[in-house]
């Protein structure tokens, strides 16, 4: 991990138990934009989690990190194919499922849900 980034995360998280609004993004450079910067950041040592950063060096995943970091169109194409696959995987129909009012809880349990920040 990039030492300056790690120090910044330590400072950010120092009072995590006192600050419920604390947020650390997987992409610290363009957190509000859908792009390939997550993969570019891994090359820079800016992976938020150790498992994120490990993808940049593991021989099974490094080729994907390298491709998506270098080619945003390749990332978008792969992402769209995966989203299409997931969208039809075990789809519930009729009264087997529900459209949630809040993404972090089923409708029957939304009063007990932890707010999603």
PDB file of N, CA and C in Angstrom:
ATOM      1  N   UNK A   1       0.850  -1.184   0.000  1.00  0.00           N
ATOM      2  CA  UNK A   1       0.000   0.000   0.000  1.00  0.00           C
ATOM      3  C   UNK A   1       0.895   1.247   0.000  1.00  0.00           C
ATOM      4  N   UNK A   2       0.462   2.226  -0.689  1.00  0.00           N
ATOM      5  CA  UNK A   2       1.159   3.507  -0.724  1.00  0.00           C
ATOM      6  C   UNK A   2       1.233   4.065   0.703  1.00  0.00           C
ATOM      7  N   UNK A   3       2.438   4.362   1.223  1.00  0.00           N
ATOM      8  CA  UNK A   3       2.580   4.806   2.622  1.00  0.00           C
ATOM      9  C   UNK A   3       1.790   6.077   2.955  1.00  0.00           C
ATOM     10  N   UNK A   4       1.752   7.037   2.050  1.00  0.00           N
ATOM     11  CA  UNK A   4       0.996   8.274   2.311  1.00  0.00           C
ATOM     12  C   UNK A   4      -0.504   7.985   2.372  1.00  0.00           C
ATOM     13  N   UNK A   5      -0.962   7.111   1.496  1.00  0.00           N
ATOM     14  CA  UNK A   5      -2.376   6.723   1.493  1.00  0.00           C
ATOM     15  C   UNK A   5      -2.721   5.997   2.795  1.00  0.00           C
ATOM     16  N   UNK A   6      -1.854   5.077   3.212  1.00  0.00           N
ATOM     17  CA  UNK A   6      -2.082   4.334   4.458  1.00  0.00           C
ATOM     18  C   UNK A   6      -2.161   5.282   5.648  1.00  0.00           C
ATOM     19  N   UNK A   7      -1.272   6.269   5.696  1.00  0.00           N
ATOM     20  CA  UNK A   7      -1.292   7.248   6.790  1.00  0.00           C
ATOM     21  C   UNK A   7      -2.582   8.061   6.760  1.00  0.00           C
ATOM     22  N   UNK A   8      -3.017   8.447   5.575  1.00  0.00           N
ATOM     23  CA  UNK A   8      -4.279   9.180   5.441  1.00  0.00           C
ATOM     24  C   UNK A   8      -5.464   8.365   5.941  1.00  0.00           C
ATOM     25  N   UNK A   9      -5.465   7.066   5.648  1.00  0.00           N
ATOM     26  CA  UNK A   9      -6.541   6.190   6.129  1.00  0.00           C
ATOM     27  C   UNK A   9      -6.491   6.055   7.646  1.00  0.00           C
ATOM     28  N   UNK A  10      -5.286   5.948   8.209  1.00  0.00           N
ATOM     29  CA  UNK A  10      -5.157   5.865   9.676  1.00  0.00           C
ATOM     30  C   UNK A  10      -5.749   7.113  10.337  1.00  0.00           C
ATOM     31  N   UNK A  11      -5.453   8.274   9.780  1.00  0.00           N
ATOM     32  CA  UNK A  11      -5.989   9.525  10.337  1.00  0.00           C
ATOM     33  C   UNK A  11      -7.507   9.587  10.162  1.00  0.00           C
ATOM     34  N   UNK A  12      -7.978   9.203   8.990  1.00  0.00           N
ATOM     35  CA  UNK A  12      -9.423   9.222   8.724  1.00  0.00           C
ATOM     36  C   UNK A  12     -10.173   8.323   9.699  1.00  0.00           C
ATOM     37  N   UNK A  13      -9.613   7.154   9.958  1.00  0.00           N
ATOM     38  CA  UNK A  13     -10.305   6.156  10.766  1.00  0.00           C
ATOM     39  C   UNK A  13     -10.008   6.253  12.262  1.00  0.00           C
ATOM     40  N   UNK A  14      -9.213   7.206  12.680  1.00  0.00           N
ATOM     41  CA  UNK A  14      -8.808   7.309  14.087  1.00  0.00           C
ATOM     42  C   UNK A  14      -9.998   7.415  15.032  1.00  0.00           C
ATOM     43  N   UNK A  15     -11.028   8.122  14.643  1.00  0.00           N
ATOM     44  CA  UNK A  15     -12.196   8.307  15.511  1.00  0.00           C
ATOM     45  C   UNK A  15     -13.448   7.631  14.944  1.00  0.00           C
ATOM     46  N   UNK A  16     -13.262   6.474  14.320  1.00  0.00           N
ATOM     47  CA  UNK A  16     -14.385   5.813  13.665  1.00  0.00           C
ATOM     48  C   UNK A  16     -15.556   5.522  14.612  1.00  0.00           C
ATOM     49  N   UNK A  17     -15.288   5.241  15.878  1.00  0.00           N
ATOM     50  CA  UNK A  17     -16.369   4.920  16.804  1.00  0.00           C
ATOM     51  C   UNK A  17     -17.154   6.155  17.242  1.00  0.00           C
ATOM     52  N   UNK A  18     -16.611   7.348  17.033  1.00  0.00           N
ATOM     53  CA  UNK A  18     -17.277   8.585  17.440  1.00  0.00           C
ATOM     54  C   UNK A  18     -17.946   9.306  16.277  1.00  0.00           C
ATOM     55  N   UNK A  19     -17.599   8.943  15.048  1.00  0.00           N
ATOM     56  CA  UNK A  19     -18.105   9.647  13.874  1.00  0.00           C
ATOM     57  C   UNK A  19     -18.868   8.683  12.974  1.00  0.00           C
ATOM     58  N   UNK A  20     -20.192   8.719  13.055  1.00  0.00           N
ATOM     59  CA  UNK A  20     -21.015   7.800  12.268  1.00  0.00           C
ATOM     60  C   UNK A  20     -21.067   8.176  10.791  1.00  0.00           C
ATOM     61  N   UNK A  21     -20.570   9.342  10.425  1.00  0.00           N
ATOM     62  CA  UNK A  21     -20.586   9.760   9.021  1.00  0.00           C
ATOM     63  C   UNK A  21     -19.290   9.412   8.304  1.00  0.00           C
ATOM     64  N   UNK A  22     -18.375   8.750   8.997  1.00  0.00           N
ATOM     65  CA  UNK A  22     -17.086   8.386   8.421  1.00  0.00           C
ATOM     66  C   UNK A  22     -17.280   7.556   7.156  1.00  0.00           C
ATOM     67  N   UNK A  23     -16.542   7.886   6.106  1.00  0.00           N
ATOM     68  CA  UNK A  23     -16.605   7.127   4.865  1.00  0.00           C
ATOM     69  C   UNK A  23     -15.236   7.090   4.216  1.00  0.00           C
ATOM     70  N   UNK A  24     -14.851   5.922   3.773  1.00  0.00           N
ATOM     71  CA  UNK A  24     -13.630   5.748   2.981  1.00  0.00           C
ATOM     72  C   UNK A  24     -14.071   5.071   1.692  1.00  0.00           C
ATOM     73  N   UNK A  25     -13.680   5.619   0.580  1.00  0.00           N
ATOM     74  CA  UNK A  25     -14.141   5.135  -0.713  1.00  0.00           C
ATOM     75  C   UNK A  25     -13.157   4.149  -1.321  1.00  0.00           C
ATOM     76  N   UNK A  26     -13.680   3.178  -2.074  1.00  0.00           N
ATOM     77  CA  UNK A  26     -12.810   2.257  -2.811  1.00  0.00           C
ATOM     78  C   UNK A  26     -12.000   2.997  -3.862  1.00  0.00           C
ATOM     79  N   UNK A  27     -12.509   4.120  -4.316  1.00  0.00           N
ATOM     80  CA  UNK A  27     -11.810   4.946  -5.302  1.00  0.00           C
ATOM     81  C   UNK A  27     -11.705   6.348  -4.727  1.00  0.00           C
ATOM     82  N   UNK A  28     -10.562   6.665  -4.170  1.00  0.00           N
ATOM     83  CA  UNK A  28     -10.369   7.962  -3.520  1.00  0.00           C
ATOM     84  C   UNK A  28     -10.175   9.102  -4.517  1.00  0.00           C
ATOM     85  N   UNK A  29      -9.879   8.793  -5.767  1.00  0.00           N
ATOM     86  CA  UNK A  29      -9.592   9.818  -6.765  1.00  0.00           C
ATOM     87  C   UNK A  29     -10.872  10.335  -7.436  1.00  0.00           C
ATOM     88  N   UNK A  30     -11.752   9.426  -7.860  1.00  0.00           N
ATOM     89  CA  UNK A  30     -13.015   9.823  -8.509  1.00  0.00           C
ATOM     90  C   UNK A  30     -14.178   9.053  -7.872  1.00  0.00           C
ATOM     91  N   UNK A  31     -14.443   9.276  -6.584  1.00  0.00           N
ATOM     92  CA  UNK A  31     -15.443   8.459  -5.885  1.00  0.00           C
ATOM     93  C   UNK A  31     -16.870   8.594  -6.405  1.00  0.00           C
ATOM     94  N   UNK A  32     -17.216   9.695  -7.013  1.00  0.00           N
ATOM     95  CA  UNK A  32     -18.581   9.886  -7.495  1.00  0.00           C
ATOM     96  C   UNK A  32     -18.751   9.611  -8.973  1.00  0.00           C
ATOM     97  N   UNK A  33     -17.741   9.033  -9.605  1.00  0.00           N
ATOM     98  CA  UNK A  33     -17.774   8.805 -11.053  1.00  0.00           C
ATOM     99  C   UNK A  33     -17.579   7.325 -11.345  1.00  0.00           C
ATOM    100  N   UNK A  34     -18.353   6.808 -12.279  1.00  0.00           N
ATOM    101  CA  UNK A  34     -18.185   5.413 -12.703  1.00  0.00           C
ATOM    102  C   UNK A  34     -17.140   5.380 -13.811  1.00  0.00           C
ATOM    103  N   UNK A  35     -15.973   4.853 -13.483  1.00  0.00           N
ATOM    104  CA  UNK A  35     -14.878   4.784 -14.438  1.00  0.00           C
ATOM    105  C   UNK A  35     -13.941   3.646 -14.040  1.00  0.00           C
ATOM    106  N   UNK A  36     -12.777   3.583 -14.640  1.00  0.00           N
ATOM    107  CA  UNK A  36     -11.816   2.524 -14.342  1.00  0.00           C
ATOM    108  C   UNK A  36     -10.742   2.948 -13.340  1.00  0.00           C
ATOM    109  N   UNK A  37     -10.936   4.074 -12.676  1.00  0.00           N
ATOM    110  CA  UNK A  37      -9.913   4.604 -11.775  1.00  0.00           C
ATOM    111  C   UNK A  37      -9.592   3.659 -10.614  1.00  0.00           C
ATOM    112  N   UNK A  38     -10.554   2.842 -10.207  1.00  0.00           N
ATOM    113  CA  UNK A  38     -10.310   1.839  -9.162  1.00  0.00           C
ATOM    114  C   UNK A  38      -9.091   0.992  -9.546  1.00  0.00           C
ATOM    115  N   UNK A  39      -9.033   0.552 -10.787  1.00  0.00           N
ATOM    116  CA  UNK A  39      -7.936  -0.297 -11.253  1.00  0.00           C
ATOM    117  C   UNK A  39      -6.645   0.497 -11.412  1.00  0.00           C
ATOM    118  N   UNK A  40      -6.744   1.717 -11.891  1.00  0.00           N
ATOM    119  CA  UNK A  40      -5.570   2.593 -11.980  1.00  0.00           C
ATOM    120  C   UNK A  40      -4.994   2.803 -10.585  1.00  0.00           C
ATOM    121  N   UNK A  41      -5.862   3.029  -9.610  1.00  0.00           N
ATOM    122  CA  UNK A  41      -5.431   3.234  -8.227  1.00  0.00           C
ATOM    123  C   UNK A  41      -4.697   2.021  -7.667  1.00  0.00           C
ATOM    124  N   UNK A  42      -5.110   0.816  -8.046  1.00  0.00           N
ATOM    125  CA  UNK A  42      -4.415  -0.379  -7.562  1.00  0.00           C
ATOM    126  C   UNK A  42      -2.963  -0.373  -8.023  1.00  0.00           C
ATOM    127  N   UNK A  43      -2.707   0.091  -9.233  1.00  0.00           N
ATOM    128  CA  UNK A  43      -1.316   0.203  -9.712  1.00  0.00           C
ATOM    129  C   UNK A  43      -0.528   1.211  -8.893  1.00  0.00           C
ATOM    130  N   UNK A  44      -1.209   2.169  -8.308  1.00  0.00           N
ATOM    131  CA  UNK A  44      -0.553   3.218  -7.508  1.00  0.00           C
ATOM    132  C   UNK A  44      -0.452   2.853  -6.024  1.00  0.00           C
ATOM    133  N   UNK A  45      -0.940   1.659  -5.654  1.00  0.00           N
ATOM    134  CA  UNK A  45      -0.920   1.244  -4.256  1.00  0.00           C
ATOM    135  C   UNK A  45      -2.024   1.878  -3.445  1.00  0.00           C
ATOM    136  N   UNK A  46      -3.128   2.244  -4.099  1.00  0.00           N
ATOM    137  CA  UNK A  46      -4.223   2.938  -3.420  1.00  0.00           C
ATOM    138  C   UNK A  46      -5.456   2.056  -3.249  1.00  0.00           C
ATOM    139  N   UNK A  47      -5.256   0.765  -3.042  1.00  0.00           N
ATOM    140  CA  UNK A  47      -6.377  -0.131  -2.761  1.00  0.00           C
ATOM    141  C   UNK A  47      -6.829   0.047  -1.332  1.00  0.00           C
ATOM    142  N   UNK A  48      -8.125   0.215  -1.118  1.00  0.00           N
ATOM    143  CA  UNK A  48      -8.651   0.460   0.229  1.00  0.00           C
ATOM    144  C   UNK A  48      -8.444  -0.755   1.135  1.00  0.00           C
ATOM    145  N   UNK A  49      -8.721  -1.926   0.640  1.00  0.00           N
ATOM    146  CA  UNK A  49      -8.588  -3.151   1.430  1.00  0.00           C
ATOM    147  C   UNK A  49      -7.396  -3.960   0.930  1.00  0.00           C
ATOM    148  N   UNK A  50      -6.831  -4.761   1.809  1.00  0.00           N
ATOM    149  CA  UNK A  50      -5.712  -5.615   1.403  1.00  0.00           C
ATOM    150  C   UNK A  50      -6.140  -6.543   0.272  1.00  0.00           C
ATOM    151  N   UNK A  51      -7.378  -7.025   0.301  1.00  0.00           N
ATOM    152  CA  UNK A  51      -7.868  -7.907  -0.764  1.00  0.00           C
ATOM    153  C   UNK A  51      -7.971  -7.164  -2.094  1.00  0.00           C
ATOM    154  N   UNK A  52      -8.299  -5.872  -2.067  1.00  0.00           N
ATOM    155  CA  UNK A  52      -8.304  -5.073  -3.295  1.00  0.00           C
ATOM    156  C   UNK A  52      -6.891  -5.006  -3.858  1.00  0.00           C
ATOM    157  N   UNK A  53      -5.960  -4.626  -3.020  1.00  0.00           N
ATOM    158  CA  UNK A  53      -4.576  -4.438  -3.460  1.00  0.00           C
ATOM    159  C   UNK A  53      -3.960  -5.740  -3.932  1.00  0.00           C
ATOM    160  N   UNK A  54      -4.353  -6.857  -3.334  1.00  0.00           N
ATOM    161  CA  UNK A  54      -3.806  -8.164  -3.716  1.00  0.00           C
ATOM    162  C   UNK A  54      -4.148  -8.517  -5.160  1.00  0.00           C
ATOM    163  N   UNK A  55      -5.253  -7.997  -5.666  1.00  0.00           N
ATOM    164  CA  UNK A  55      -5.632  -8.296  -7.056  1.00  0.00           C
ATOM    165  C   UNK A  55      -4.595  -7.800  -8.050  1.00  0.00           C
ATOM    166  N   UNK A  56      -3.877  -6.740  -7.705  1.00  0.00           N
ATOM    167  CA  UNK A  56      -2.878  -6.175  -8.607  1.00  0.00           C
ATOM    168  C   UNK A  56      -1.616  -7.027  -8.698  1.00  0.00           C
ATOM    169  N   UNK A  57      -1.422  -7.941  -7.753  1.00  0.00           N
ATOM    170  CA  UNK A  57      -0.211  -8.758  -7.776  1.00  0.00           C
ATOM    171  C   UNK A  57      -0.484 -10.250  -7.945  1.00  0.00           C
ATOM    172  N   UNK A  58      -1.686 -10.696  -7.667  1.00  0.00           N
ATOM    173  CA  UNK A  58      -2.009 -12.118  -7.806  1.00  0.00           C
ATOM    174  C   UNK A  58      -2.019 -12.483  -9.291  1.00  0.00           C
ATOM    175  N   UNK A  59      -1.287 -13.522  -9.691  1.00  0.00           N
ATOM    176  CA  UNK A  59      -1.208 -13.874 -11.113  1.00  0.00           C
ATOM    177  C   UNK A  59      -2.558 -14.238 -11.740  1.00  0.00           C
ATOM    178  N   UNK A  60      -3.526 -14.621 -10.914  1.00  0.00           N
ATOM    179  CA  UNK A  60      -4.850 -14.958 -11.448  1.00  0.00           C
ATOM    180  C   UNK A  60      -5.667 -13.719 -11.790  1.00  0.00           C
ATOM    181  N   UNK A  61      -5.433 -12.612 -11.107  1.00  0.00           N
ATOM    182  CA  UNK A  61      -6.247 -11.409 -11.306  1.00  0.00           C
ATOM    183  C   UNK A  61      -5.473 -10.235 -11.891  1.00  0.00           C
ATOM    184  N   UNK A  62      -4.156 -10.260 -11.805  1.00  0.00           N
ATOM    185  CA  UNK A  62      -3.335  -9.156 -12.313  1.00  0.00           C
ATOM    186  C   UNK A  62      -3.616  -8.822 -13.775  1.00  0.00           C
ATOM    187  N   UNK A  63      -3.786  -9.816 -14.664  1.00  0.00           N
ATOM    188  CA  UNK A  63      -4.079  -9.464 -16.057  1.00  0.00           C
ATOM    189  C   UNK A  63      -5.361  -8.638 -16.216  1.00  0.00           C
ATOM    190  N   UNK A  64      -6.356  -8.896 -15.380  1.00  0.00           N
ATOM    191  CA  UNK A  64      -7.596  -8.119 -15.443  1.00  0.00           C
ATOM    192  C   UNK A  64      -7.379  -6.697 -14.921  1.00  0.00           C
ATOM    193  N   UNK A  65      -6.651  -6.586 -13.817  1.00  0.00           N
ATOM    194  CA  UNK A  65      -6.339  -5.261 -13.269  1.00  0.00           C
ATOM    195  C   UNK A  65      -5.568  -4.455 -14.305  1.00  0.00           C
ATOM    196  N   UNK A  66      -4.572  -5.073 -14.909  1.00  0.00           N
ATOM    197  CA  UNK A  66      -3.766  -4.382 -15.918  1.00  0.00           C
ATOM    198  C   UNK A  66      -4.617  -3.937 -17.104  1.00  0.00           C
ATOM    199  N   UNK A  67      -5.461  -4.838 -17.604  1.00  0.00           N
ATOM    200  CA  UNK A  67      -6.314  -4.514 -18.755  1.00  0.00           C
ATOM    201  C   UNK A  67      -7.278  -3.391 -18.425  1.00  0.00           C
ATOM    202  N   UNK A  68      -7.980  -3.506 -17.301  1.00  0.00           N
ATOM    203  CA  UNK A  68      -8.997  -2.502 -16.959  1.00  0.00           C
ATOM    204  C   UNK A  68      -8.375  -1.161 -16.592  1.00  0.00           C
ATOM    205  N   UNK A  69      -7.177  -1.172 -16.023  1.00  0.00           N
ATOM    206  CA  UNK A  69      -6.487   0.088 -15.717  1.00  0.00           C
ATOM    207  C   UNK A  69      -6.081   0.802 -17.006  1.00  0.00           C
ATOM    208  N   UNK A  70      -5.682   0.038 -17.994  1.00  0.00           N
ATOM    209  CA  UNK A  70      -5.188   0.624 -19.251  1.00  0.00           C
ATOM    210  C   UNK A  70      -6.296   0.938 -20.241  1.00  0.00           C
ATOM    211  N   UNK A  71      -7.456   0.272 -20.092  1.00  0.00           N
ATOM    212  CA  UNK A  71      -8.482   0.373 -21.125  1.00  0.00           C
ATOM    213  C   UNK A  71      -9.869   0.471 -20.490  1.00  0.00           C
ATOM    214  N   UNK A  72     -10.353   1.675 -20.320  1.00  0.00           N
ATOM    215  CA  UNK A  72     -11.658   1.884 -19.693  1.00  0.00           C
ATOM    216  C   UNK A  72     -12.781   1.229 -20.500  1.00  0.00           C
ATOM    217  N   UNK A  73     -12.678   1.237 -21.823  1.00  0.00           N
ATOM    218  CA  UNK A  73     -13.707   0.610 -22.664  1.00  0.00           C
ATOM    219  C   UNK A  73     -13.785  -0.887 -22.396  1.00  0.00           C
ATOM    220  N   UNK A  74     -12.642  -1.546 -22.224  1.00  0.00           N
ATOM    221  CA  UNK A  74     -12.641  -2.972 -21.895  1.00  0.00           C
ATOM    222  C   UNK A  74     -13.327  -3.212 -20.553  1.00  0.00           C
ATOM    223  N   UNK A  75     -13.069  -2.344 -19.580  1.00  0.00           N
ATOM    224  CA  UNK A  75     -13.745  -2.462 -18.279  1.00  0.00           C
ATOM    225  C   UNK A  75     -15.255  -2.282 -18.445  1.00  0.00           C
ATOM    226  N   UNK A  76     -15.683  -1.245 -19.155  1.00  0.00           N
ATOM    227  CA  UNK A  76     -17.113  -1.011 -19.360  1.00  0.00           C
ATOM    228  C   UNK A  76     -17.768  -2.190 -20.064  1.00  0.00           C
ATOM    229  N   UNK A  77     -17.107  -2.742 -21.079  1.00  0.00           N
ATOM    230  CA  UNK A  77     -17.667  -3.882 -21.809  1.00  0.00           C
ATOM    231  C   UNK A  77     -17.823  -5.098 -20.897  1.00  0.00           C
ATOM    232  N   UNK A  78     -16.788  -5.399 -20.119  1.00  0.00           N
ATOM    233  CA  UNK A  78     -16.848  -6.543 -19.201  1.00  0.00           C
ATOM    234  C   UNK A  78     -17.907  -6.313 -18.128  1.00  0.00           C
ATOM    235  N   UNK A  79     -17.963  -5.101 -17.592  1.00  0.00           N
ATOM    236  CA  UNK A  79     -18.936  -4.785 -16.550  1.00  0.00           C
ATOM    237  C   UNK A  79     -20.359  -4.957 -17.079  1.00  0.00           C
ATOM    238  N   UNK A  80     -20.613  -4.482 -18.288  1.00  0.00           N
ATOM    239  CA  UNK A  80     -21.973  -4.585 -18.834  1.00  0.00           C
ATOM    240  C   UNK A  80     -22.364  -6.042 -19.068  1.00  0.00           C
ATOM    241  N   UNK A  81     -21.422  -6.886 -19.509  1.00  0.00           N
ATOM    242  CA  UNK A  81     -21.727  -8.314 -19.701  1.00  0.00           C
ATOM    243  C   UNK A  81     -22.051  -8.983 -18.364  1.00  0.00           C
ATOM    244  N   UNK A  82     -21.280  -8.661 -17.337  1.00  0.00           N
ATOM    245  CA  UNK A  82     -21.513  -9.257 -16.023  1.00  0.00           C
ATOM    246  C   UNK A  82     -22.846  -8.780 -15.438  1.00  0.00           C
ATOM    247  N   UNK A  83     -23.146  -7.506 -15.575  1.00  0.00           N
ATOM    248  CA  UNK A  83     -24.425  -6.986 -15.059  1.00  0.00           C
ATOM    249  C   UNK A  83     -25.600  -7.665 -15.755  1.00  0.00           C
ATOM    250  N   UNK A  84     -25.464  -7.919 -17.036  1.00  0.00           N
ATOM    251  CA  UNK A  84     -26.531  -8.619 -17.764  1.00  0.00           C
ATOM    252  C   UNK A  84     -26.710 -10.032 -17.212  1.00  0.00           C
ATOM    253  N   UNK A  85     -25.605 -10.740 -16.963  1.00  0.00           N
ATOM    254  CA  UNK A  85     -25.686 -12.093 -16.398  1.00  0.00           C
ATOM    255  C   UNK A  85     -26.339 -12.076 -15.014  1.00  0.00           C
ATOM    256  N   UNK A  86     -25.906 -11.149 -14.171  1.00  0.00           N
ATOM    257  CA  UNK A  86     -26.436 -11.071 -12.805  1.00  0.00           C
ATOM    258  C   UNK A  86     -27.921 -10.702 -12.806  1.00  0.00           C
ATOM    259  N   UNK A  87     -28.323  -9.896 -13.771  1.00  0.00           N
ATOM    260  CA  UNK A  87     -29.714  -9.429 -13.793  1.00  0.00           C
ATOM    261  C   UNK A  87     -30.717 -10.546 -14.022  1.00  0.00           C
ATOM    262  N   UNK A  88     -30.285 -11.671 -14.571  1.00  0.00           N
ATOM    263  CA  UNK A  88     -31.213 -12.778 -14.822  1.00  0.00           C
ATOM    264  C   UNK A  88     -30.928 -13.989 -13.941  1.00  0.00           C
ATOM    265  N   UNK A  89     -29.982 -13.880 -13.032  1.00  0.00           N
ATOM    266  CA  UNK A  89     -29.609 -14.983 -12.157  1.00  0.00           C
ATOM    267  C   UNK A  89     -30.602 -15.111 -11.010  1.00  0.00           C
ATOM    268  N   UNK A  90     -31.280 -16.232 -10.944  1.00  0.00           N
ATOM    269  CA  UNK A  90     -32.251 -16.523  -9.875  1.00  0.00           C
ATOM    270  C   UNK A  90     -33.243 -15.376  -9.652  1.00  0.00           C
ATOM    271  N   UNK A  91     -33.801 -14.867 -10.727  1.00  0.00           N
ATOM    272  CA  UNK A  91     -34.782 -13.786 -10.627  1.00  0.00           C
ATOM    273  C   UNK A  91     -36.040 -14.328  -9.966  1.00  0.00           C
ATOM    274  N   UNK A  92     -36.525 -13.625  -8.969  1.00  0.00           N
ATOM    275  CA  UNK A  92     -37.761 -14.002  -8.287  1.00  0.00           C
ATOM    276  C   UNK A  92     -38.929 -13.346  -8.997  1.00  0.00           C
ATOM    277  N   UNK A  93     -39.987 -14.095  -9.162  1.00  0.00           N
ATOM    278  CA  UNK A  93     -41.162 -13.567  -9.854  1.00  0.00           C
ATOM    279  C   UNK A  93     -42.392 -13.703  -8.970  1.00  0.00           C
ATOM    280  N   UNK A  94     -43.441 -13.007  -9.364  1.00  0.00           N
ATOM    281  CA  UNK A  94     -44.692 -13.062  -8.599  1.00  0.00           C
ATOM    282  C   UNK A  94     -44.483 -12.593  -7.180  1.00  0.00           C
ATOM    283  N   UNK A  95     -45.012 -13.363  -6.214  1.00  0.00           N
ATOM    284  CA  UNK A  95     -44.870 -12.955  -4.812  1.00  0.00           C
ATOM    285  C   UNK A  95     -43.693 -13.645  -4.124  1.00  0.00           C
ATOM    286  N   UNK A  96     -42.729 -14.152  -4.894  1.00  0.00           N
ATOM    287  CA  UNK A  96     -41.520 -14.756  -4.323  1.00  0.00           C
ATOM    288  C   UNK A  96     -40.542 -13.694  -3.815  1.00  0.00           C
ATOM    289  N   UNK A  97     -40.646 -12.489  -4.318  1.00  0.00           N
ATOM    290  CA  UNK A  97     -39.707 -11.444  -3.939  1.00  0.00           C
ATOM    291  C   UNK A  97     -40.436 -10.132  -3.720  1.00  0.00           C
ATOM    292  N   UNK A  98     -39.683  -9.053  -3.591  1.00  0.00           N
ATOM    293  CA  UNK A  98     -40.275  -7.736  -3.395  1.00  0.00           C
ATOM    294  C   UNK A  98     -39.337  -6.667  -3.928  1.00  0.00           C
ATOM    295  N   UNK A  99     -39.898  -5.547  -4.301  1.00  0.00           N
ATOM    296  CA  UNK A  99     -39.102  -4.380  -4.669  1.00  0.00           C
ATOM    297  C   UNK A  99     -38.907  -3.600  -3.375  1.00  0.00           C
ATOM    298  N   UNK A 100     -37.669  -3.475  -2.939  1.00  0.00           N
ATOM    299  CA  UNK A 100     -37.391  -2.860  -1.639  1.00  0.00           C
ATOM    300  C   UNK A 100     -37.517  -1.340  -1.679  1.00  0.00           C
ATOM    301  N   UNK A 101     -38.097  -0.807  -0.600  1.00  0.00           N
ATOM    302  CA  UNK A 101     -38.150   0.646  -0.437  1.00  0.00           C
ATOM    303  C   UNK A 101     -36.781   1.177  -0.018  1.00  0.00           C
ATOM    304  N   UNK A 102     -36.029   0.348   0.720  1.00  0.00           N
ATOM    305  CA  UNK A 102     -34.648   0.657   1.127  1.00  0.00           C
ATOM    306  C   UNK A 102     -33.791  -0.533   0.737  1.00  0.00           C
ATOM    307  N   UNK A 103     -32.631  -0.266   0.169  1.00  0.00           N
ATOM    308  CA  UNK A 103     -31.787  -1.361  -0.323  1.00  0.00           C
ATOM    309  C   UNK A 103     -31.152  -2.180   0.796  1.00  0.00           C
ATOM    310  N   UNK A 104     -31.083  -1.649   2.005  1.00  0.00           N
ATOM    311  CA  UNK A 104     -30.382  -2.327   3.091  1.00  0.00           C
ATOM    312  C   UNK A 104     -31.282  -3.167   3.991  1.00  0.00           C
ATOM    313  N   UNK A 105     -32.575  -3.310   3.628  1.00  0.00           N
ATOM    314  CA  UNK A 105     -33.481  -4.107   4.450  1.00  0.00           C
ATOM    315  C   UNK A 105     -34.696  -4.523   3.638  1.00  0.00           C
ATOM    316  N   UNK A 106     -35.252  -5.678   4.006  1.00  0.00           N
ATOM    317  CA  UNK A 106     -36.508  -6.064   3.370  1.00  0.00           C
ATOM    318  C   UNK A 106     -37.592  -5.109   3.855  1.00  0.00           C
ATOM    319  N   UNK A 107     -38.667  -4.980   3.104  1.00  0.00           N
ATOM    320  CA  UNK A 107     -39.709  -4.013   3.458  1.00  0.00           C
ATOM    321  C   UNK A 107     -40.306  -4.278   4.833  1.00  0.00           C
ATOM    322  N   UNK A 108     -40.435  -5.528   5.218  1.00  0.00           N
ATOM    323  CA  UNK A 108     -40.975  -5.854   6.532  1.00  0.00           C
ATOM    324  C   UNK A 108     -40.056  -5.500   7.668  1.00  0.00           C
ATOM    325  N   UNK A 109     -38.765  -5.321   7.399  1.00  0.00           N
ATOM    326  CA  UNK A 109     -37.774  -5.037   8.430  1.00  0.00           C
ATOM    327  C   UNK A 109     -37.161  -3.653   8.315  1.00  0.00           C
ATOM    328  N   UNK A 110     -37.694  -2.785   7.467  1.00  0.00           N
ATOM    329  CA  UNK A 110     -37.030  -1.504   7.207  1.00  0.00           C
ATOM    330  C   UNK A 110     -36.948  -0.622   8.445  1.00  0.00           C
ATOM    331  N   UNK A 111     -37.845  -0.787   9.410  1.00  0.00           N
ATOM    332  CA  UNK A 111     -37.785   0.032  10.622  1.00  0.00           C
ATOM    333  C   UNK A 111     -36.568  -0.338  11.473  1.00  0.00           C
ATOM    334  N   UNK A 112     -36.117  -1.595  11.357  1.00  0.00           N
ATOM    335  CA  UNK A 112     -34.989  -2.065  12.150  1.00  0.00           C
ATOM    336  C   UNK A 112     -33.657  -1.975  11.411  1.00  0.00           C
ATOM    337  N   UNK A 113     -33.683  -1.483  10.213  1.00  0.00           N
ATOM    338  CA  UNK A 113     -32.479  -1.484   9.396  1.00  0.00           C
ATOM    339  C   UNK A 113     -31.472  -0.446   9.870  1.00  0.00           C
ATOM    340  N   UNK A 114     -30.214  -0.780   9.696  1.00  0.00           N
ATOM    341  CA  UNK A 114     -29.135   0.160   9.970  1.00  0.00           C
ATOM    342  C   UNK A 114     -29.032   1.099   8.764  1.00  0.00           C
ATOM    343  N   UNK A 115     -28.978   2.387   8.966  1.00  0.00           N
ATOM    344  CA  UNK A 115     -28.874   3.299   7.819  1.00  0.00           C
ATOM    345  C   UNK A 115     -27.658   2.979   6.960  1.00  0.00           C
ATOM    346  N   UNK A 116     -27.854   3.046   5.656  1.00  0.00           N
ATOM    347  CA  UNK A 116     -26.785   2.748   4.695  1.00  0.00           C
ATOM    348  C   UNK A 116     -26.114   4.061   4.309  1.00  0.00           C
ATOM    349  N   UNK A 117     -24.871   4.253   4.742  1.00  0.00           N
ATOM    350  CA  UNK A 117     -24.142   5.504   4.469  1.00  0.00           C
ATOM    351  C   UNK A 117     -23.197   5.292   3.343  1.00  0.00           C
TER     352      UNK A 117
END
